[in-house]
C-alpha atoms as a PDB file:
ATOM      1  CA  MET A   1     -64.435  38.989  76.758  1.00  0.00           C
ATOM      2  CA  LYS A   2     -64.367  36.390  73.963  1.00  0.00           C
ATOM      3  CA  VAL A   3     -66.134  37.007  70.607  1.00  0.00           C
ATOM      4  CA  GLU A   4     -66.330  35.177  67.355  1.00  0.00           C
ATOM      5  CA  VAL A   5     -65.477  37.359  64.345  1.00  0.00           C
ATOM      6  CA  LEU A   6     -66.622  36.484  60.811  1.00  0.00           C
ATOM      7  CA  TYR A   7     -65.373  38.125  57.552  1.00  0.00           C
ATOM      8  CA  PHE A   8     -67.293  37.862  54.373  1.00  0.00           C
ATOM      9  CA  ALA A   9     -66.756  38.391  50.588  1.00  0.00           C
ATOM     10  CA  GLY A  10     -63.662  40.394  49.627  1.00  0.00           C
ATOM     11  CA  LEU A  11     -62.951  41.212  53.208  1.00  0.00           C
ATOM     12  CA  ARG A  12     -62.453  37.385  53.935  1.00  0.00           C
ATOM     13  CA  GLU A  13     -60.124  37.258  50.880  1.00  0.00           C
ATOM     14  CA  ALA A  14     -58.210  40.377  51.935  1.00  0.00           C
ATOM     15  CA  VAL A  15     -57.442  39.160  55.445  1.00  0.00           C
ATOM     16  CA  GLY A  16     -57.080  35.530  54.600  1.00  0.00           C
ATOM     17  CA  CYS A  17     -59.571  34.059  57.040  1.00  0.00           C
ATOM     18  CA  ALA A  18     -63.316  33.454  57.313  1.00  0.00           C
ATOM     19  CA  ARG A  19     -63.571  33.363  61.133  1.00  0.00           C
ATOM     20  CA  GLU A  20     -61.614  33.653  64.279  1.00  0.00           C
ATOM     21  CA  ARG A  21     -62.283  33.565  67.894  1.00  0.00           C
ATOM     22  CA  LEU A  22     -60.775  36.428  69.932  1.00  0.00           C
ATOM     23  CA  GLU A  23     -60.134  37.231  73.451  1.00  0.00           C
ATOM     24  CA  LEU A  24     -60.555  41.000  73.522  1.00  0.00           C
ATOM     25  CA  PRO A  25     -58.357  43.246  75.734  1.00  0.00           C
ATOM     26  CA  ALA A  26     -60.133  45.384  78.347  1.00  0.00           C
ATOM     27  CA  GLY A  27     -61.692  48.472  76.760  1.00  0.00           C
ATOM     28  CA  ILE A  28     -62.814  46.834  73.480  1.00  0.00           C
ATOM     29  CA  VAL A  29     -66.562  46.804  74.163  1.00  0.00           C
ATOM     30  CA  THR A  30     -68.203  48.065  71.073  1.00  0.00           C
ATOM     31  CA  ALA A  31     -68.346  46.987  67.428  1.00  0.00           C
ATOM     32  CA  GLY A  32     -66.357  50.103  66.423  1.00  0.00           C
ATOM     33  CA  ALA A  33     -63.557  49.576  68.976  1.00  0.00           C
ATOM     34  CA  LEU A  34     -63.347  45.901  67.774  1.00  0.00           C
ATOM     35  CA  ARG A  35     -62.849  47.333  64.264  1.00  0.00           C
ATOM     36  CA  GLU A  36     -60.077  49.627  65.487  1.00  0.00           C
ATOM     37  CA  HIS A  37     -58.406  46.736  67.396  1.00  0.00           C
ATOM     38  CA  LEU A  38     -58.289  44.605  64.184  1.00  0.00           C
ATOM     39  CA  ARG A  39     -57.073  47.350  62.157  1.00  0.00           C
ATOM     40  CA  ALA A  40     -54.170  47.968  64.459  1.00  0.00           C
ATOM     41  CA  ARG A  41     -52.844  44.461  63.463  1.00  0.00           C
ATOM     42  CA  GLY A  42     -51.211  46.238  60.507  1.00  0.00           C
ATOM     43  CA  GLY A  43     -50.705  44.910  56.932  1.00  0.00           C
ATOM     44  CA  ALA A  44     -53.955  43.598  55.220  1.00  0.00           C
ATOM     45  CA  TRP A  45     -55.955  44.289  58.292  1.00  0.00           C
ATOM     46  CA  THR A  46     -55.175  48.053  58.088  1.00  0.00           C
ATOM     47  CA  ASP A  47     -56.121  48.089  54.414  1.00  0.00           C
ATOM     48  CA  ALA A  48     -59.327  45.809  54.667  1.00  0.00           C
ATOM     49  CA  LEU A  49     -60.802  47.705  57.840  1.00  0.00           C
ATOM     50  CA  ALA A  50     -59.540  51.133  56.855  1.00  0.00           C
ATOM     51  CA  GLU A  51     -61.386  53.914  58.631  1.00  0.00           C
ATOM     52  CA  GLY A  52     -62.752  55.477  55.347  1.00  0.00           C
ATOM     53  CA  ARG A  53     -63.786  52.051  53.888  1.00  0.00           C
ATOM     54  CA  THR A  54     -67.568  51.354  53.923  1.00  0.00           C
ATOM     55  CA  LEU A  55     -68.174  48.270  55.667  1.00  0.00           C
ATOM     56  CA  ARG A  56     -71.201  46.732  57.337  1.00  0.00           C
ATOM     57  CA  VAL A  57     -71.153  45.103  60.725  1.00  0.00           C
ATOM     58  CA  ALA A  58     -73.536  42.761  62.373  1.00  0.00           C
ATOM     59  CA  VAL A  59     -73.685  41.745  66.091  1.00  0.00           C
ATOM     60  CA  ASP A  60     -75.446  38.471  66.767  1.00  0.00           C
ATOM     61  CA  GLN A  61     -76.941  38.435  63.335  1.00  0.00           C
ATOM     62  CA  ALA A  62     -78.481  42.034  63.712  1.00  0.00           C
ATOM     63  CA  MET A  63     -77.191  44.999  61.745  1.00  0.00           C
ATOM     64  CA  ALA A  64     -75.244  47.133  64.114  1.00  0.00           C
ATOM     65  CA  ALA A  65     -73.426  50.585  64.383  1.00  0.00           C
ATOM     66  CA  ALA A  66     -70.015  51.417  65.616  1.00  0.00           C
ATOM     67  CA  ASP A  67     -71.259  52.095  68.991  1.00  0.00           C
ATOM     68  CA  THR A  68     -73.209  48.750  69.459  1.00  0.00           C
ATOM     69  CA  PRO A  69     -72.164  47.218  72.720  1.00  0.00           C
ATOM     70  CA  LEU A  70     -70.544  43.694  72.672  1.00  0.00           C
ATOM     71  CA  ARG A  71     -71.123  40.859  75.081  1.00  0.00           C
ATOM     72  CA  ASP A  72     -69.123  37.827  75.943  1.00  0.00           C
ATOM     73  CA  GLY A  73     -69.657  35.094  73.349  1.00  0.00           C
ATOM     74  CA  ALA A  74     -71.036  37.690  70.653  1.00  0.00           C
ATOM     75  CA  GLU A  75     -70.703  36.854  66.953  1.00  0.00           C
ATOM     76  CA  VAL A  76     -69.562  39.976  65.130  1.00  0.00           C
ATOM     77  CA  ALA A  77     -69.573  39.940  61.259  1.00  0.00           C
ATOM     78  CA  PHE A  78     -67.896  42.254  58.955  1.00  0.00           C
ATOM     79  CA  PHE A  79     -68.858  42.536  55.323  1.00  0.00           C
ATOM     80  CA  PRO A  80     -68.752  44.939  52.530  1.00  0.00           C
ATOM     81  CA  PRO A  81     -72.162  46.629  51.343  1.00  0.00           C
ATOM     82  CA  VAL A  82     -74.128  44.679  48.999  1.00  0.00           C
ATOM     83  CA  THR A  83     -74.605  46.011  45.596  1.00  0.00           C
ATOM     84  CA  GLY A  84     -77.112  44.960  43.018  1.00  0.00           C
ATOM     85  CA  GLY A  85     -79.266  46.176  40.391  1.00  0.00           C
END
C-alpha cells in the first residue's frame, strides 16, 4: 500500500521534510501503526513522533484516531495540536 504523508509546523522542522510518499510494509494498516513505523526510523523521527507526545493525525483530510484504517493512496497528515487564545 502506498500513502502520502504530510508533516506540519514544528514536526516538519524536526524531521526535515514536509511530505513523502511511502510504500508501507504489510501489517501497517492504521494511522497508529504508521506512526510507530515512522518512529522506528530512529533519530529525529523517534523524538518527533514519541509515544507520549501529543500529535494530531488526519487521514484524507478528516481528523483520525490511531485505529483509523488506511487505504492505498491515502493522505495522512501529522501535526501538533493547535494552541491559541
